[in-house]
């Protein structure tokens, strides 16, 4: 998961509407689909979980219903997948009308991209870099890895009280049975530093095969570093990313080791700008 933005302040107010929805959906999915799973999460079990997540998402998220914008994101995702090679999941790409600079991968290849992140991209390569990173989380089965990891830990219920206060407050505290489950969801989606590095490395490796320069992934991190230097702090929702400076250095090093085709693209002949302008017009952020 990739999420950036200014420091949102104290814990009770730091979660945006989209972030709360993600956590609740993960909770619903795992309560309904995974509590009885024995052993490692299989491909088929992750497919079932992803399907349940997508069904719940239809009623919880504010989808951006514009064919041009959705087709653009879908095609970019398909180009990345074609370069990545055979996958065990049938990936689907969605655009959410959310100002948060966020994109996230749900189980079994359901990739969600916020309009805020699309608008923040300086070029096509930056947006493709973020999307390839999220595909990398699925392709490397990080969600399944975290699920298998959380099964063997005893700390989940200890995390519950604080999370319950953040998400539901006093009114729903009577639903105390959900506390440990919600904590489990936080732990599940808390990608390790190693997993974040793997997703970055996946993006740097796959983007050139899609004809896209991987520079965009690094330049996007540099945007985060500049934002942090300006007094903000790029937080993450239920995630633990390596420090931005570290990711820039790692990305630069990985790119330098590649024999890149000079014809790799950073831009896409103005298509991203058209998509961004359309989002601005349809959301009322820019006058016609």
C-alpha atoms as a PDB file:
ATOM      1  CA  UNK A   1       0.000   0.000   0.000  1.00  0.00           C
ATOM      2  CA  UNK A   2       1.156   3.480  -0.775  1.00  0.00           C
ATOM      3  CA  UNK A   3      -0.282   6.473   1.031  1.00  0.00           C
ATOM      4  CA  UNK A   4       1.109   9.954   1.250  1.00  0.00           C
ATOM      5  CA  UNK A   5      -0.008  13.309   2.539  1.00  0.00           C
ATOM      6  CA  UNK A   6       0.526  15.819   5.315  1.00  0.00           C
ATOM      7  CA  UNK A   7       0.676  14.742   8.915  1.00  0.00           C
ATOM      8  CA  UNK A   8      -2.990  14.197   9.828  1.00  0.00           C
ATOM      9  CA  UNK A   9      -2.561  14.863  13.525  1.00  0.00           C
ATOM     10  CA  UNK A  10      -3.576  12.853  16.591  1.00  0.00           C
ATOM     11  CA  UNK A  11      -4.585   9.240  16.244  1.00  0.00           C
ATOM     12  CA  UNK A  12      -8.385   9.582  16.569  1.00  0.00           C
ATOM     13  CA  UNK A  13      -8.597  11.957  13.604  1.00  0.00           C
ATOM     14  CA  UNK A  14      -5.853  10.604  11.378  1.00  0.00           C
ATOM     15  CA  UNK A  15      -7.913   8.060   9.456  1.00  0.00           C
ATOM     16  CA  UNK A  16      -9.701   9.307   6.349  1.00  0.00           C
ATOM     17  CA  UNK A  17     -13.051   7.949   5.198  1.00  0.00           C
ATOM     18  CA  UNK A  18     -11.364   5.775   2.616  1.00  0.00           C
ATOM     19  CA  UNK A  19      -8.941   4.383   5.175  1.00  0.00           C
ATOM     20  CA  UNK A  20     -11.731   3.462   7.590  1.00  0.00           C
ATOM     21  CA  UNK A  21     -13.616   1.743   4.791  1.00  0.00           C
ATOM     22  CA  UNK A  22     -10.557  -0.288   3.856  1.00  0.00           C
ATOM     23  CA  UNK A  23     -10.125  -1.501   7.419  1.00  0.00           C
ATOM     24  CA  UNK A  24     -13.791  -2.359   7.860  1.00  0.00           C
ATOM     25  CA  UNK A  25     -13.870  -4.228   4.570  1.00  0.00           C
ATOM     26  CA  UNK A  26     -10.819  -6.246   5.520  1.00  0.00           C
ATOM     27  CA  UNK A  27     -12.525  -7.022   8.801  1.00  0.00           C
ATOM     28  CA  UNK A  28     -15.719  -8.187   7.099  1.00  0.00           C
ATOM     29  CA  UNK A  29     -13.800 -10.299   4.615  1.00  0.00           C
ATOM     30  CA  UNK A  30     -11.730 -12.076   7.196  1.00  0.00           C
ATOM     31  CA  UNK A  31     -14.531 -12.598   9.667  1.00  0.00           C
ATOM     32  CA  UNK A  32     -16.619 -14.179   6.913  1.00  0.00           C
ATOM     33  CA  UNK A  33     -13.937 -15.970   4.955  1.00  0.00           C
ATOM     34  CA  UNK A  34     -10.732 -16.715   6.782  1.00  0.00           C
ATOM     35  CA  UNK A  35     -11.261 -17.431  10.441  1.00  0.00           C
ATOM     36  CA  UNK A  36     -11.702 -21.121   9.793  1.00  0.00           C
ATOM     37  CA  UNK A  37      -8.783 -21.451   7.374  1.00  0.00           C
ATOM     38  CA  UNK A  38      -6.224 -23.962   8.544  1.00  0.00           C
ATOM     39  CA  UNK A  39      -2.647 -23.681   7.355  1.00  0.00           C
ATOM     40  CA  UNK A  40      -1.235 -21.189   4.851  1.00  0.00           C
ATOM     41  CA  UNK A  41      -3.668 -19.107   2.814  1.00  0.00           C
ATOM     42  CA  UNK A  42      -3.966 -20.838  -0.552  1.00  0.00           C
ATOM     43  CA  UNK A  43      -4.413 -19.234  -3.972  1.00  0.00           C
ATOM     44  CA  UNK A  44      -8.043 -20.332  -4.057  1.00  0.00           C
ATOM     45  CA  UNK A  45      -8.725 -19.020  -0.560  1.00  0.00           C
ATOM     46  CA  UNK A  46      -7.206 -15.670  -1.492  1.00  0.00           C
ATOM     47  CA  UNK A  47      -9.424 -15.585  -4.616  1.00  0.00           C
ATOM     48  CA  UNK A  48     -12.486 -16.132  -2.423  1.00  0.00           C
ATOM     49  CA  UNK A  49     -11.343 -13.423  -0.051  1.00  0.00           C
ATOM     50  CA  UNK A  50     -10.736 -11.003  -2.906  1.00  0.00           C
ATOM     51  CA  UNK A  51     -14.193 -11.659  -4.296  1.00  0.00           C
ATOM     52  CA  UNK A  52     -15.789 -10.984  -0.924  1.00  0.00           C
ATOM     53  CA  UNK A  53     -13.760  -7.792  -0.559  1.00  0.00           C
ATOM     54  CA  UNK A  54     -14.883  -6.573  -3.996  1.00  0.00           C
ATOM     55  CA  UNK A  55     -18.542  -7.306  -3.217  1.00  0.00           C
ATOM     56  CA  UNK A  56     -18.375  -5.374   0.037  1.00  0.00           C
ATOM     57  CA  UNK A  57     -16.467  -2.549  -1.648  1.00  0.00           C
ATOM     58  CA  UNK A  58     -19.308  -1.893  -4.079  1.00  0.00           C
ATOM     59  CA  UNK A  59     -21.436  -0.672  -1.197  1.00  0.00           C
ATOM     60  CA  UNK A  60     -18.730   1.109   0.777  1.00  0.00           C
ATOM     61  CA  UNK A  61     -16.488   2.992  -1.649  1.00  0.00           C
ATOM     62  CA  UNK A  62     -17.263   6.000  -3.828  1.00  0.00           C
ATOM     63  CA  UNK A  63     -16.276   4.733  -7.271  1.00  0.00           C
ATOM     64  CA  UNK A  64     -15.381   7.207  -9.996  1.00  0.00           C
ATOM     65  CA  UNK A  65     -17.890   6.382 -12.732  1.00  0.00           C
ATOM     66  CA  UNK A  66     -16.210   7.690 -15.843  1.00  0.00           C
ATOM     67  CA  UNK A  67     -15.390   5.338 -18.697  1.00  0.00           C
ATOM     68  CA  UNK A  68     -12.444   7.301 -20.059  1.00  0.00           C
ATOM     69  CA  UNK A  69     -10.679   7.513 -16.687  1.00  0.00           C
ATOM     70  CA  UNK A  70     -11.412   3.909 -15.762  1.00  0.00           C
ATOM     71  CA  UNK A  71     -10.300   2.624 -19.156  1.00  0.00           C
ATOM     72  CA  UNK A  72      -7.050   4.544 -18.809  1.00  0.00           C
ATOM     73  CA  UNK A  73      -6.256   2.969 -15.429  1.00  0.00           C
ATOM     74  CA  UNK A  74      -7.410  -0.465 -16.600  1.00  0.00           C
ATOM     75  CA  UNK A  75      -5.175  -0.341 -19.683  1.00  0.00           C
ATOM     76  CA  UNK A  76      -2.183   0.793 -17.642  1.00  0.00           C
ATOM     77  CA  UNK A  77      -2.766  -2.098 -15.269  1.00  0.00           C
ATOM     78  CA  UNK A  78      -3.058  -4.566 -18.159  1.00  0.00           C
ATOM     79  CA  UNK A  79       0.196  -3.309 -19.672  1.00  0.00           C
ATOM     80  CA  UNK A  80       1.965  -3.880 -16.345  1.00  0.00           C
ATOM     81  CA  UNK A  81       0.466  -7.356 -15.991  1.00  0.00           C
ATOM     82  CA  UNK A  82       1.461  -8.357 -19.511  1.00  0.00           C
ATOM     83  CA  UNK A  83       5.032  -7.360 -18.704  1.00  0.00           C
ATOM     84  CA  UNK A  84       4.916  -9.203 -15.378  1.00  0.00           C
ATOM     85  CA  UNK A  85       4.069 -12.546 -16.961  1.00  0.00           C
ATOM     86  CA  UNK A  86       1.528 -15.221 -15.924  1.00  0.00           C
ATOM     87  CA  UNK A  87      -0.317 -14.532 -12.683  1.00  0.00           C
ATOM     88  CA  UNK A  88      -2.541 -16.790 -10.552  1.00  0.00           C
ATOM     89  CA  UNK A  89      -5.168 -14.067 -10.107  1.00  0.00           C
ATOM     90  CA  UNK A  90      -7.585 -12.236 -12.398  1.00  0.00           C
ATOM     91  CA  UNK A  91      -6.608  -8.651 -11.602  1.00  0.00           C
ATOM     92  CA  UNK A  92      -9.169  -5.863 -11.602  1.00  0.00           C
ATOM     93  CA  UNK A  93      -8.457  -2.142 -11.415  1.00  0.00           C
ATOM     94  CA  UNK A  94     -10.764   0.461  -9.896  1.00  0.00           C
ATOM     95  CA  UNK A  95     -10.742   4.251  -9.476  1.00  0.00           C
ATOM     96  CA  UNK A  96     -12.095   5.681  -6.223  1.00  0.00           C
ATOM     97  CA  UNK A  97     -13.193   9.296  -5.908  1.00  0.00           C
ATOM     98  CA  UNK A  98     -11.003  10.169  -2.931  1.00  0.00           C
ATOM     99  CA  UNK A  99      -8.738  13.160  -2.347  1.00  0.00           C
ATOM    100  CA  UNK A 100      -6.248  11.073  -0.368  1.00  0.00           C
ATOM    101  CA  UNK A 101      -3.027  10.359  -2.256  1.00  0.00           C
ATOM    102  CA  UNK A 102      -3.489   6.635  -1.971  1.00  0.00           C
ATOM    103  CA  UNK A 103      -3.511   3.356  -3.833  1.00  0.00           C
ATOM    104  CA  UNK A 104      -3.874  -0.084  -2.318  1.00  0.00           C
ATOM    105  CA  UNK A 105      -3.996  -3.739  -3.230  1.00  0.00           C
ATOM    106  CA  UNK A 106      -6.760  -5.954  -1.889  1.00  0.00           C
ATOM    107  CA  UNK A 107      -6.531  -9.753  -1.927  1.00  0.00           C
ATOM    108  CA  UNK A 108      -6.264 -11.615  -5.249  1.00  0.00           C
ATOM    109  CA  UNK A 109      -5.469  -8.633  -7.430  1.00  0.00           C
ATOM    110  CA  UNK A 110      -8.165  -6.059  -6.741  1.00  0.00           C
ATOM    111  CA  UNK A 111      -6.224  -2.794  -7.141  1.00  0.00           C
ATOM    112  CA  UNK A 112      -7.798   0.512  -6.061  1.00  0.00           C
ATOM    113  CA  UNK A 113      -6.401   3.912  -7.114  1.00  0.00           C
ATOM    114  CA  UNK A 114      -7.611   7.209  -5.661  1.00  0.00           C
ATOM    115  CA  UNK A 115      -8.319  10.176  -7.904  1.00  0.00           C
ATOM    116  CA  UNK A 116      -6.113  12.218  -5.569  1.00  0.00           C
ATOM    117  CA  UNK A 117      -3.117  10.107  -6.505  1.00  0.00           C
ATOM    118  CA  UNK A 118      -3.884  10.304 -10.236  1.00  0.00           C
ATOM    119  CA  UNK A 119      -4.002  14.097  -9.962  1.00  0.00           C
ATOM    120  CA  UNK A 120      -0.719  14.182  -8.020  1.00  0.00           C
ATOM    121  CA  UNK A 121       1.285  12.308 -10.661  1.00  0.00           C
ATOM    122  CA  UNK A 122       3.627  14.568 -12.625  1.00  0.00           C
ATOM    123  CA  UNK A 123       3.846  12.099 -15.483  1.00  0.00           C
ATOM    124  CA  UNK A 124       2.639   8.709 -16.637  1.00  0.00           C
ATOM    125  CA  UNK A 125       5.723   6.956 -15.280  1.00  0.00           C
ATOM    126  CA  UNK A 126       4.965   8.096 -11.729  1.00  0.00           C
ATOM    127  CA  UNK A 127       1.418   6.756 -11.821  1.00  0.00           C
ATOM    128  CA  UNK A 128       2.561   3.520 -13.462  1.00  0.00           C
ATOM    129  CA  UNK A 129       5.259   3.153 -10.803  1.00  0.00           C
ATOM    130  CA  UNK A 130       2.696   3.286  -7.999  1.00  0.00           C
ATOM    131  CA  UNK A 131       0.405   0.835  -9.774  1.00  0.00           C
ATOM    132  CA  UNK A 132       3.264  -1.577 -10.468  1.00  0.00           C
ATOM    133  CA  UNK A 133       4.201  -1.382  -6.780  1.00  0.00           C
ATOM    134  CA  UNK A 134       0.671  -2.405  -5.780  1.00  0.00           C
ATOM    135  CA  UNK A 135       0.620  -5.218  -8.352  1.00  0.00           C
ATOM    136  CA  UNK A 136       3.903  -6.338  -6.810  1.00  0.00           C
ATOM    137  CA  UNK A 137       2.249  -6.775  -3.411  1.00  0.00           C
ATOM    138  CA  UNK A 138      -0.241  -9.195  -4.970  1.00  0.00           C
ATOM    139  CA  UNK A 139       2.221 -10.970  -7.256  1.00  0.00           C
ATOM    140  CA  UNK A 140       4.604 -11.587  -4.359  1.00  0.00           C
ATOM    141  CA  UNK A 141       1.649 -12.719  -2.206  1.00  0.00           C
ATOM    142  CA  UNK A 142       2.352 -10.306   0.631  1.00  0.00           C
ATOM    143  CA  UNK A 143      -1.257 -10.353   1.854  1.00  0.00           C
ATOM    144  CA  UNK A 144      -1.174 -14.137   2.158  1.00  0.00           C
ATOM    145  CA  UNK A 145       2.240 -13.942   3.815  1.00  0.00           C
ATOM    146  CA  UNK A 146       0.917 -11.537   6.433  1.00  0.00           C
ATOM    147  CA  UNK A 147      -2.125 -13.698   7.046  1.00  0.00           C
ATOM    148  CA  UNK A 148       0.078 -16.723   7.630  1.00  0.00           C
ATOM    149  CA  UNK A 149       2.308 -14.637   9.880  1.00  0.00           C
ATOM    150  CA  UNK A 150      -0.532 -13.337  12.042  1.00  0.00           C
ATOM    151  CA  UNK A 151      -1.835 -16.855  12.686  1.00  0.00           C
ATOM    152  CA  UNK A 152       1.225 -17.638  14.770  1.00  0.00           C
ATOM    153  CA  UNK A 153       1.355 -14.473  16.863  1.00  0.00           C
ATOM    154  CA  UNK A 154      -0.201 -13.847  20.229  1.00  0.00           C
ATOM    155  CA  UNK A 155      -0.228 -10.050  20.058  1.00  0.00           C
ATOM    156  CA  UNK A 156      -3.395  -9.507  18.033  1.00  0.00           C
ATOM    157  CA  UNK A 157      -5.864  -9.050  20.854  1.00  0.00           C
ATOM    158  CA  UNK A 158      -3.490  -6.680  22.621  1.00  0.00           C
ATOM    159  CA  UNK A 159      -3.784  -4.292  19.677  1.00  0.00           C
ATOM    160  CA  UNK A 160      -7.556  -4.214  19.688  1.00  0.00           C
ATOM    161  CA  UNK A 161      -8.527  -1.598  22.262  1.00  0.00           C
ATOM    162  CA  UNK A 162      -6.764   1.326  20.596  1.00  0.00           C
ATOM    163  CA  UNK A 163      -8.030   0.388  17.151  1.00  0.00           C
ATOM    164  CA  UNK A 164     -11.580   0.004  18.397  1.00  0.00           C
ATOM    165  CA  UNK A 165     -11.461   3.498  19.867  1.00  0.00           C
ATOM    166  CA  UNK A 166     -10.211   4.900  16.564  1.00  0.00           C
ATOM    167  CA  UNK A 167     -12.761   3.198  14.350  1.00  0.00           C
ATOM    168  CA  UNK A 168     -15.981   2.877  16.308  1.00  0.00           C
ATOM    169  CA  UNK A 169     -15.796   4.923  19.491  1.00  0.00           C
ATOM    170  CA  UNK A 170     -17.941   4.395  22.584  1.00  0.00           C
ATOM    171  CA  UNK A 171     -21.228   3.568  20.857  1.00  0.00           C
ATOM    172  CA  UNK A 172     -20.016   0.361  19.323  1.00  0.00           C
ATOM    173  CA  UNK A 173     -17.720  -0.637  22.139  1.00  0.00           C
ATOM    174  CA  UNK A 174     -20.378  -3.165  23.092  1.00  0.00           C
ATOM    175  CA  UNK A 175     -19.230  -5.143  20.077  1.00  0.00           C
ATOM    176  CA  UNK A 176     -16.106  -6.110  21.950  1.00  0.00           C
ATOM    177  CA  UNK A 177     -15.843  -9.415  20.153  1.00  0.00           C
ATOM    178  CA  UNK A 178     -14.681  -7.502  17.091  1.00  0.00           C
ATOM    179  CA  UNK A 179     -11.693  -5.991  18.854  1.00  0.00           C
ATOM    180  CA  UNK A 180      -9.217  -8.770  18.252  1.00  0.00           C
ATOM    181  CA  UNK A 181     -10.451  -9.311  14.704  1.00  0.00           C
ATOM    182  CA  UNK A 182      -9.931  -5.657  13.833  1.00  0.00           C
ATOM    183  CA  UNK A 183      -6.455  -5.768  15.300  1.00  0.00           C
ATOM    184  CA  UNK A 184      -5.778  -8.800  13.167  1.00  0.00           C
ATOM    185  CA  UNK A 185      -6.758  -6.869  10.073  1.00  0.00           C
ATOM    186  CA  UNK A 186      -4.351  -4.083  10.971  1.00  0.00           C
ATOM    187  CA  UNK A 187      -1.578  -6.602  11.416  1.00  0.00           C
ATOM    188  CA  UNK A 188      -2.508  -8.384   8.204  1.00  0.00           C
ATOM    189  CA  UNK A 189      -2.207  -5.251   6.074  1.00  0.00           C
ATOM    190  CA  UNK A 190       0.922  -4.045   7.831  1.00  0.00           C
ATOM    191  CA  UNK A 191       3.374  -4.871   5.073  1.00  0.00           C
ATOM    192  CA  UNK A 192       6.901  -5.369   6.351  1.00  0.00           C
ATOM    193  CA  UNK A 193       9.839  -3.295   5.231  1.00  0.00           C
ATOM    194  CA  UNK A 194      11.021  -6.319   3.292  1.00  0.00           C
ATOM    195  CA  UNK A 195       7.667  -6.585   1.497  1.00  0.00           C
ATOM    196  CA  UNK A 196       7.751  -2.892   0.566  1.00  0.00           C
ATOM    197  CA  UNK A 197      11.254  -3.309  -0.843  1.00  0.00           C
ATOM    198  CA  UNK A 198      10.099  -6.344  -2.809  1.00  0.00           C
ATOM    199  CA  UNK A 199       7.159  -4.399  -4.271  1.00  0.00           C
ATOM    200  CA  UNK A 200       9.483  -1.522  -5.236  1.00  0.00           C
ATOM    201  CA  UNK A 201      11.941  -3.956  -6.834  1.00  0.00           C
ATOM    202  CA  UNK A 202       9.081  -5.628  -8.707  1.00  0.00           C
ATOM    203  CA  UNK A 203       8.040  -2.269 -10.150  1.00  0.00           C
ATOM    204  CA  UNK A 204      11.583  -1.364 -11.241  1.00  0.00           C
ATOM    205  CA  UNK A 205      11.958  -4.764 -12.914  1.00  0.00           C
ATOM    206  CA  UNK A 206       8.578  -4.903 -14.664  1.00  0.00           C
ATOM    207  CA  UNK A 207       8.075  -1.319 -15.861  1.00  0.00           C
ATOM    208  CA  UNK A 208      10.823  -1.413 -18.524  1.00  0.00           C
ATOM    209  CA  UNK A 209       9.289  -4.570 -19.986  1.00  0.00           C
ATOM    210  CA  UNK A 210       6.056  -2.575 -20.323  1.00  0.00           C
ATOM    211  CA  UNK A 211       7.921   0.156 -22.210  1.00  0.00           C
ATOM    212  CA  UNK A 212       7.784   2.520 -19.215  1.00  0.00           C
ATOM    213  CA  UNK A 213      10.822   4.136 -17.600  1.00  0.00           C
ATOM    214  CA  UNK A 214      11.042   3.196 -13.888  1.00  0.00           C
ATOM    215  CA  UNK A 215      12.302   6.691 -13.082  1.00  0.00           C
ATOM    216  CA  UNK A 216       8.748   7.671 -12.168  1.00  0.00           C
ATOM    217  CA  UNK A 217       8.707   5.432  -9.098  1.00  0.00           C
ATOM    218  CA  UNK A 218      11.785   7.192  -7.722  1.00  0.00           C
ATOM    219  CA  UNK A 219      10.691  10.701  -8.689  1.00  0.00           C
ATOM    220  CA  UNK A 220       7.428  10.082  -6.864  1.00  0.00           C
ATOM    221  CA  UNK A 221       9.407   9.207  -3.732  1.00  0.00           C
ATOM    222  CA  UNK A 222      11.361  12.423  -4.196  1.00  0.00           C
ATOM    223  CA  UNK A 223       8.054  14.292  -4.189  1.00  0.00           C
ATOM    224  CA  UNK A 224       7.306  12.652  -0.845  1.00  0.00           C
ATOM    225  CA  UNK A 225      10.698  13.633   0.510  1.00  0.00           C
ATOM    226  CA  UNK A 226      10.168  17.250  -0.565  1.00  0.00           C
ATOM    227  CA  UNK A 227       6.747  17.213   1.071  1.00  0.00           C
ATOM    228  CA  UNK A 228       8.238  15.901   4.288  1.00  0.00           C
ATOM    229  CA  UNK A 229      10.944  18.539   4.139  1.00  0.00           C
ATOM    230  CA  UNK A 230       8.225  21.167   3.905  1.00  0.00           C
ATOM    231  CA  UNK A 231       6.904  20.237   7.329  1.00  0.00           C
ATOM    232  CA  UNK A 232       4.586  17.394   6.424  1.00  0.00           C
ATOM    233  CA  UNK A 233       5.072  13.755   7.161  1.00  0.00           C
ATOM    234  CA  UNK A 234       3.985  11.033   4.746  1.00  0.00           C
ATOM    235  CA  UNK A 235       2.106   8.635   7.010  1.00  0.00           C
ATOM    236  CA  UNK A 236       0.864   5.197   5.997  1.00  0.00           C
ATOM    237  CA  UNK A 237      -2.402   3.466   6.743  1.00  0.00           C
ATOM    238  CA  UNK A 238      -1.850   0.073   8.384  1.00  0.00           C
ATOM    239  CA  UNK A 239       1.507  -0.123   6.658  1.00  0.00           C
ATOM    240  CA  UNK A 240       5.179   0.206   7.502  1.00  0.00           C
ATOM    241  CA  UNK A 241       7.207   1.556   4.624  1.00  0.00           C
ATOM    242  CA  UNK A 242      10.962   1.935   4.583  1.00  0.00           C
ATOM    243  CA  UNK A 243      12.022   5.548   4.973  1.00  0.00           C
ATOM    244  CA  UNK A 244      11.513   7.608   1.836  1.00  0.00           C
ATOM    245  CA  UNK A 245      15.245   8.459   1.536  1.00  0.00           C
ATOM    246  CA  UNK A 246      16.065   4.767   1.713  1.00  0.00           C
ATOM    247  CA  UNK A 247      13.572   3.941  -1.019  1.00  0.00           C
ATOM    248  CA  UNK A 248      14.977   6.673  -3.266  1.00  0.00           C
ATOM    249  CA  UNK A 249      18.506   5.322  -2.798  1.00  0.00           C
ATOM    250  CA  UNK A 250      17.396   1.735  -3.384  1.00  0.00           C
ATOM    251  CA  UNK A 251      15.439   2.721  -6.489  1.00  0.00           C
ATOM    252  CA  UNK A 252      18.302   4.742  -7.944  1.00  0.00           C
ATOM    253  CA  UNK A 253      20.683   1.858  -7.345  1.00  0.00           C
ATOM    254  CA  UNK A 254      18.357  -0.693  -8.947  1.00  0.00           C
ATOM    255  CA  UNK A 255      17.739   1.496 -12.003  1.00  0.00           C
ATOM    256  CA  UNK A 256      21.470   2.145 -12.446  1.00  0.00           C
ATOM    257  CA  UNK A 257      22.070  -1.597 -12.613  1.00  0.00           C
ATOM    258  CA  UNK A 258      19.637  -2.025 -15.516  1.00  0.00           C
ATOM    259  CA  UNK A 259      20.542  -1.770 -19.176  1.00  0.00           C
ATOM    260  CA  UNK A 260      17.576   0.401 -20.077  1.00  0.00           C
ATOM    261  CA  UNK A 261      16.276   0.987 -23.582  1.00  0.00           C
ATOM    262  CA  UNK A 262      16.597   4.721 -24.367  1.00  0.00           C
ATOM    263  CA  UNK A 263      13.097   4.612 -25.839  1.00  0.00           C
ATOM    264  CA  UNK A 264      11.363   3.906 -22.513  1.00  0.00           C
ATOM    265  CA  UNK A 265       8.558   6.379 -21.857  1.00  0.00           C
ATOM    266  CA  UNK A 266       8.030   8.858 -19.060  1.00  0.00           C
ATOM    267  CA  UNK A 267       5.047  10.497 -20.756  1.00  0.00           C
ATOM    268  CA  UNK A 268       2.156   9.115 -22.797  1.00  0.00           C
ATOM    269  CA  UNK A 269       1.503  11.864 -25.336  1.00  0.00           C
ATOM    270  CA  UNK A 270      -0.758  13.878 -23.051  1.00  0.00           C
ATOM    271  CA  UNK A 271      -3.175  11.076 -22.132  1.00  0.00           C
ATOM    272  CA  UNK A 272      -2.568  11.468 -18.400  1.00  0.00           C
ATOM    273  CA  UNK A 273      -3.161  15.213 -18.639  1.00  0.00           C
ATOM    274  CA  UNK A 274      -6.495  14.577 -20.379  1.00  0.00           C
ATOM    275  CA  UNK A 275      -7.482  12.125 -17.638  1.00  0.00           C
ATOM    276  CA  UNK A 276      -6.465  14.570 -14.910  1.00  0.00           C
ATOM    277  CA  UNK A 277      -8.404  17.398 -16.535  1.00  0.00           C
ATOM    278  CA  UNK A 278     -11.457  15.168 -16.821  1.00  0.00           C
ATOM    279  CA  UNK A 279     -11.276  14.275 -13.140  1.00  0.00           C
ATOM    280  CA  UNK A 280     -11.015  17.946 -12.217  1.00  0.00           C
ATOM    281  CA  UNK A 281     -14.029  18.838 -14.357  1.00  0.00           C
ATOM    282  CA  UNK A 282     -16.238  15.948 -13.237  1.00  0.00           C
ATOM    283  CA  UNK A 283     -15.491  16.466  -9.547  1.00  0.00           C
ATOM    284  CA  UNK A 284     -16.090  20.224  -9.786  1.00  0.00           C
ATOM    285  CA  UNK A 285     -12.491  21.031  -8.877  1.00  0.00           C
ATOM    286  CA  UNK A 286     -12.085  23.004 -12.105  1.00  0.00           C
ATOM    287  CA  UNK A 287     -14.641  25.047 -14.004  1.00  0.00           C
ATOM    288  CA  UNK A 288     -15.407  23.985 -17.591  1.00  0.00           C
END
